[in-house]
Structures are given as structure tokens and as C-alpha cells.
Amino acid sequence: MFTVKKIFHICYGHRLLNYKGRCSNLHGHNAKVEIILKSGLLNSRKMVVDFEKIKKIIGSWLDSNLDHKTVLAENDPLAKVLKKNKQALFLTPGNPTAEVLAELIFDFAKDRKLPVKKVKFWETENSCASYQKSEVRSQKSEE
């Protein structure tokens, strides 16, 4: 199995709803996103995926959707205020945690037919969440 990893850096703001602690306040992060792609075979250029292709697909999406944006839950009352004031905003179905953002990026990569193995979302240099789909193996019953 071959793997490649591409790293991106973004800045974003967010807050968590129904959370008792500092993260309930609007705050920002300098985040690092790691995407790991896998393949059992290399393409005709002897690559899993060209790094430039990864940058074009994932980097462009991150720049357009998360970088220098406020990332909030869809039901966050602050979203209406920010929209009204034409602020850059990205909404998530639930709290915009590192776990949710890692899964969101993973699913985007899968939708773009990239052979993604795992996404790690570093909210700070000391704290990260990762997401990967578990591989389901069928088991034959012995009768």
C-alpha cells in the first residue's frame, strides 16, 4: 500500500453551542489539515495522486470555504447577524468541532474521487481530531 500526505494551513473562527467552557465564545485558530491518500497501485507517472492535483482540489476548497471564515453550526443565532453584515461564513449541521471538520473534508475528498485514507484536523499545534471510514469486512458464518 502506498500513501501520500498533503498538509494545508488555514485560519478560521468558530464557537461551540451548548458547551460549558471557553470554546462557547467566538474565537479563532490557526489550523493544520493533513490529508492522507492511499493506493495499492501507482498511476502511469508512478504516483498515488499528484500533489498539485491534491492542492488544486482540496486546497481550493479549503480556501473558498473555511480559510478566514467564521464556521458556525447552522442553528447558531450569530449566523443570522453575520450574514446580515455580509461576513464570510461557513455553516455546519452541528457544532463545528475539529471532528466535524475532519469528516467534512474527508467526505469532500471522497466525493471528488480522491483515494482518501484519513484526514487529520489540527485545531492547535497540540490538539487534533482525525477521521477515516472503517473498512467493513464481511465474515462468513461457519455452519
C-alpha atoms as a PDB file:
ATOM      1  CA  MET A   1       0.000   0.000   0.000  1.00  0.00           C
ATOM      2  CA  PHE A   2       1.316   3.427  -0.971  1.00  0.00           C
ATOM      3  CA  THR A   3       0.308   6.591   0.867  1.00  0.00           C
ATOM      4  CA  VAL A   4       0.929  10.293   0.313  1.00  0.00           C
ATOM      5  CA  LYS A   5       0.191  13.155   2.681  1.00  0.00           C
ATOM      6  CA  LYS A   6      -0.511  16.795   1.863  1.00  0.00           C
ATOM      7  CA  ILE A   7      -0.653  19.483   4.554  1.00  0.00           C
ATOM      8  CA  PHE A   8      -2.623  22.728   4.415  1.00  0.00           C
ATOM      9  CA  HIS A   9      -2.799  25.663   6.819  1.00  0.00           C
ATOM     10  CA  ILE A  10      -5.935  27.725   7.361  1.00  0.00           C
ATOM     11  CA  CYS A  11      -7.197  30.356   9.771  1.00  0.00           C
ATOM     12  CA  TYR A  12     -10.800  30.277  10.922  1.00  0.00           C
ATOM     13  CA  GLY A  13     -13.072  31.361  13.728  1.00  0.00           C
ATOM     14  CA  HIS A  14     -15.803  29.386  15.452  1.00  0.00           C
ATOM     15  CA  ARG A  15     -17.682  28.794  18.662  1.00  0.00           C
ATOM     16  CA  LEU A  16     -19.461  25.805  20.149  1.00  0.00           C
ATOM     17  CA  LEU A  17     -23.091  25.844  21.223  1.00  0.00           C
ATOM     18  CA  ASN A  18     -24.273  24.120  24.406  1.00  0.00           C
ATOM     19  CA  TYR A  19     -20.713  23.947  25.666  1.00  0.00           C
ATOM     20  CA  LYS A  20     -19.565  24.990  29.128  1.00  0.00           C
ATOM     21  CA  GLY A  21     -16.122  26.452  28.686  1.00  0.00           C
ATOM     22  CA  ARG A  22     -14.060  28.968  26.763  1.00  0.00           C
ATOM     23  CA  CYS A  23     -14.944  27.475  23.376  1.00  0.00           C
ATOM     24  CA  SER A  24     -18.514  28.722  23.774  1.00  0.00           C
ATOM     25  CA  ASN A  25     -17.093  32.164  22.957  1.00  0.00           C
ATOM     26  CA  LEU A  26     -16.265  33.198  19.399  1.00  0.00           C
ATOM     27  CA  HIS A  27     -12.530  32.596  18.914  1.00  0.00           C
ATOM     28  CA  GLY A  28     -10.029  31.756  16.204  1.00  0.00           C
ATOM     29  CA  HIS A  29      -7.494  29.091  15.299  1.00  0.00           C
ATOM     30  CA  ASN A  30      -4.530  28.647  13.016  1.00  0.00           C
ATOM     31  CA  ALA A  31      -5.342  25.128  11.906  1.00  0.00           C
ATOM     32  CA  LYS A  32      -3.410  22.467  10.033  1.00  0.00           C
ATOM     33  CA  VAL A  33      -5.182  19.979   7.802  1.00  0.00           C
ATOM     34  CA  GLU A  34      -3.456  16.718   6.866  1.00  0.00           C
ATOM     35  CA  ILE A  35      -4.962  14.572   4.148  1.00  0.00           C
ATOM     36  CA  ILE A  36      -3.576  11.092   3.561  1.00  0.00           C
ATOM     37  CA  LEU A  37      -4.343   9.307   0.291  1.00  0.00           C
ATOM     38  CA  LYS A  38      -3.730   5.617  -0.388  1.00  0.00           C
ATOM     39  CA  SER A  39      -3.462   3.218  -3.275  1.00  0.00           C
ATOM     40  CA  GLY A  40      -2.262  -0.312  -3.825  1.00  0.00           C
ATOM     41  CA  LEU A  41      -1.043   0.695  -7.280  1.00  0.00           C
ATOM     42  CA  LEU A  42       0.718   3.734  -8.679  1.00  0.00           C
ATOM     43  CA  ASN A  43      -0.586   5.594 -11.712  1.00  0.00           C
ATOM     44  CA  SER A  44       1.288   5.822 -15.033  1.00  0.00           C
ATOM     45  CA  ARG A  45       3.505   8.579 -13.578  1.00  0.00           C
ATOM     46  CA  LYS A  46       4.312   6.370 -10.575  1.00  0.00           C
ATOM     47  CA  MET A  47       2.226   8.440  -8.146  1.00  0.00           C
ATOM     48  CA  VAL A  48      -0.717   7.774  -5.854  1.00  0.00           C
ATOM     49  CA  VAL A  49      -2.074  11.231  -6.781  1.00  0.00           C
ATOM     50  CA  ASP A  50      -0.089  14.235  -7.991  1.00  0.00           C
ATOM     51  CA  PHE A  51       0.457  16.694  -5.121  1.00  0.00           C
ATOM     52  CA  GLU A  52      -0.607  19.516  -7.441  1.00  0.00           C
ATOM     53  CA  LYS A  53      -3.942  17.795  -8.034  1.00  0.00           C
ATOM     54  CA  ILE A  54      -4.466  17.441  -4.284  1.00  0.00           C
ATOM     55  CA  LYS A  55      -3.596  21.112  -3.825  1.00  0.00           C
ATOM     56  CA  LYS A  56      -5.958  22.153  -6.595  1.00  0.00           C
ATOM     57  CA  ILE A  57      -8.906  20.112  -5.305  1.00  0.00           C
ATOM     58  CA  ILE A  58      -8.545  20.238  -1.523  1.00  0.00           C
ATOM     59  CA  GLY A  59      -6.593  23.479  -1.205  1.00  0.00           C
ATOM     60  CA  SER A  60      -9.064  25.366  -3.371  1.00  0.00           C
ATOM     61  CA  TRP A  61     -11.996  24.037  -1.364  1.00  0.00           C
ATOM     62  CA  LEU A  62     -10.361  24.953   1.953  1.00  0.00           C
ATOM     63  CA  ASP A  63      -9.554  28.453   0.670  1.00  0.00           C
ATOM     64  CA  SER A  64     -13.094  29.002  -0.597  1.00  0.00           C
ATOM     65  CA  ASN A  65     -14.975  27.511   2.334  1.00  0.00           C
ATOM     66  CA  LEU A  66     -13.017  27.537   5.604  1.00  0.00           C
ATOM     67  CA  ASP A  67      -9.946  29.777   5.405  1.00  0.00           C
ATOM     68  CA  HIS A  68     -10.567  33.172   7.021  1.00  0.00           C
ATOM     69  CA  LYS A  69     -14.225  32.300   7.559  1.00  0.00           C
ATOM     70  CA  THR A  70     -16.360  32.068  10.662  1.00  0.00           C
ATOM     71  CA  VAL A  71     -17.516  28.461  10.954  1.00  0.00           C
ATOM     72  CA  LEU A  72     -20.733  28.022  12.918  1.00  0.00           C
ATOM     73  CA  ALA A  73     -23.488  25.500  13.498  1.00  0.00           C
ATOM     74  CA  GLU A  74     -26.485  26.069  11.213  1.00  0.00           C
ATOM     75  CA  ASN A  75     -28.680  26.842  14.222  1.00  0.00           C
ATOM     76  CA  ASP A  76     -26.266  29.346  15.792  1.00  0.00           C
ATOM     77  CA  PRO A  77     -28.118  32.675  16.253  1.00  0.00           C
ATOM     78  CA  LEU A  78     -24.897  34.518  15.439  1.00  0.00           C
ATOM     79  CA  ALA A  79     -25.083  33.187  11.858  1.00  0.00           C
ATOM     80  CA  LYS A  80     -28.012  35.488  11.029  1.00  0.00           C
ATOM     81  CA  VAL A  81     -26.147  38.517  12.322  1.00  0.00           C
ATOM     82  CA  LEU A  82     -23.003  37.688  10.369  1.00  0.00           C
ATOM     83  CA  LYS A  83     -24.972  37.010   7.161  1.00  0.00           C
ATOM     84  CA  LYS A  84     -26.809  40.295   7.533  1.00  0.00           C
ATOM     85  CA  ASN A  85     -23.466  42.084   7.848  1.00  0.00           C
ATOM     86  CA  LYS A  86     -22.011  40.233   4.845  1.00  0.00           C
ATOM     87  CA  GLN A  87     -19.338  38.435   6.829  1.00  0.00           C
ATOM     88  CA  ALA A  88     -17.600  35.338   5.434  1.00  0.00           C
ATOM     89  CA  LEU A  89     -19.401  32.364   6.939  1.00  0.00           C
ATOM     90  CA  PHE A  90     -19.493  28.576   6.635  1.00  0.00           C
ATOM     91  CA  LEU A  91     -22.256  26.587   8.335  1.00  0.00           C
ATOM     92  CA  THR A  92     -22.086  23.007   9.585  1.00  0.00           C
ATOM     93  CA  PRO A  93     -25.000  20.711  10.516  1.00  0.00           C
ATOM     94  CA  GLY A  94     -23.791  20.505  14.135  1.00  0.00           C
ATOM     95  CA  ASN A  95     -21.131  22.122  16.276  1.00  0.00           C
ATOM     96  CA  PRO A  96     -18.057  22.958  14.153  1.00  0.00           C
ATOM     97  CA  THR A  97     -15.653  20.792  16.125  1.00  0.00           C
ATOM     98  CA  ALA A  98     -12.342  19.506  14.793  1.00  0.00           C
ATOM     99  CA  GLU A  99     -14.017  16.099  14.437  1.00  0.00           C
ATOM    100  CA  VAL A 100     -16.835  17.508  12.306  1.00  0.00           C
ATOM    101  CA  LEU A 101     -14.410  19.461  10.101  1.00  0.00           C
ATOM    102  CA  ALA A 102     -12.168  16.414   9.595  1.00  0.00           C
ATOM    103  CA  GLU A 103     -15.178  14.353   8.464  1.00  0.00           C
ATOM    104  CA  LEU A 104     -16.405  17.166   6.215  1.00  0.00           C
ATOM    105  CA  ILE A 105     -13.036  17.364   4.420  1.00  0.00           C
ATOM    106  CA  PHE A 106     -12.831  13.564   4.161  1.00  0.00           C
ATOM    107  CA  ASP A 107     -16.280  13.368   2.559  1.00  0.00           C
ATOM    108  CA  PHE A 108     -15.444  16.190   0.146  1.00  0.00           C
ATOM    109  CA  ALA A 109     -12.270  14.350  -0.961  1.00  0.00           C
ATOM    110  CA  LYS A 110     -14.236  11.093  -1.418  1.00  0.00           C
ATOM    111  CA  ASP A 111     -16.871  12.936  -3.474  1.00  0.00           C
ATOM    112  CA  ARG A 112     -14.072  14.168  -5.736  1.00  0.00           C
ATOM    113  CA  LYS A 113     -12.917  10.562  -6.255  1.00  0.00           C
ATOM    114  CA  LEU A 114      -9.665  11.015  -4.327  1.00  0.00           C
ATOM    115  CA  PRO A 115      -8.472   7.780  -2.643  1.00  0.00           C
ATOM    116  CA  VAL A 116      -8.553   9.352   0.817  1.00  0.00           C
ATOM    117  CA  LYS A 117      -7.493   7.203   3.742  1.00  0.00           C
ATOM    118  CA  LYS A 118      -7.584   9.704   6.616  1.00  0.00           C
ATOM    119  CA  VAL A 119      -7.962  13.384   7.383  1.00  0.00           C
ATOM    120  CA  LYS A 120      -6.410  14.951  10.466  1.00  0.00           C
ATOM    121  CA  PHE A 121      -7.589  18.379  11.563  1.00  0.00           C
ATOM    122  CA  TRP A 122      -5.185  20.115  13.936  1.00  0.00           C
ATOM    123  CA  GLU A 123      -7.151  22.829  15.744  1.00  0.00           C
ATOM    124  CA  THR A 124      -3.999  23.858  17.611  1.00  0.00           C
ATOM    125  CA  GLU A 125      -0.452  22.546  17.496  1.00  0.00           C
ATOM    126  CA  ASN A 126      -1.301  20.266  20.434  1.00  0.00           C
ATOM    127  CA  SER A 127      -4.846  19.140  19.620  1.00  0.00           C
ATOM    128  CA  CYS A 128      -6.177  17.294  16.615  1.00  0.00           C
ATOM    129  CA  ALA A 129      -9.025  15.078  15.519  1.00  0.00           C
ATOM    130  CA  SER A 130      -8.909  12.550  12.715  1.00  0.00           C
ATOM    131  CA  TYR A 131     -11.495  10.831  10.589  1.00  0.00           C
ATOM    132  CA  GLN A 132     -11.339   7.742   8.429  1.00  0.00           C
ATOM    133  CA  LYS A 133     -14.014   5.348   7.264  1.00  0.00           C
ATOM    134  CA  SER A 134     -13.769   1.971   8.885  1.00  0.00           C
ATOM    135  CA  GLU A 135     -13.274  -0.819   6.439  1.00  0.00           C
ATOM    136  CA  VAL A 136     -16.089  -3.298   6.724  1.00  0.00           C
ATOM    137  CA  ARG A 137     -15.071  -6.872   6.207  1.00  0.00           C
ATOM    138  CA  SER A 138     -17.672  -9.481   5.545  1.00  0.00           C
ATOM    139  CA  GLN A 139     -17.457 -12.554   7.694  1.00  0.00           C
ATOM    140  CA  LYS A 140     -18.802 -15.876   6.524  1.00  0.00           C
ATOM    141  CA  SER A 141     -20.651 -17.768   9.151  1.00  0.00           C
ATOM    142  CA  GLU A 142     -19.459 -21.267   9.807  1.00  0.00           C
ATOM    143  CA  GLU A 143     -22.392 -23.634   9.840  1.00  0.00           C
END
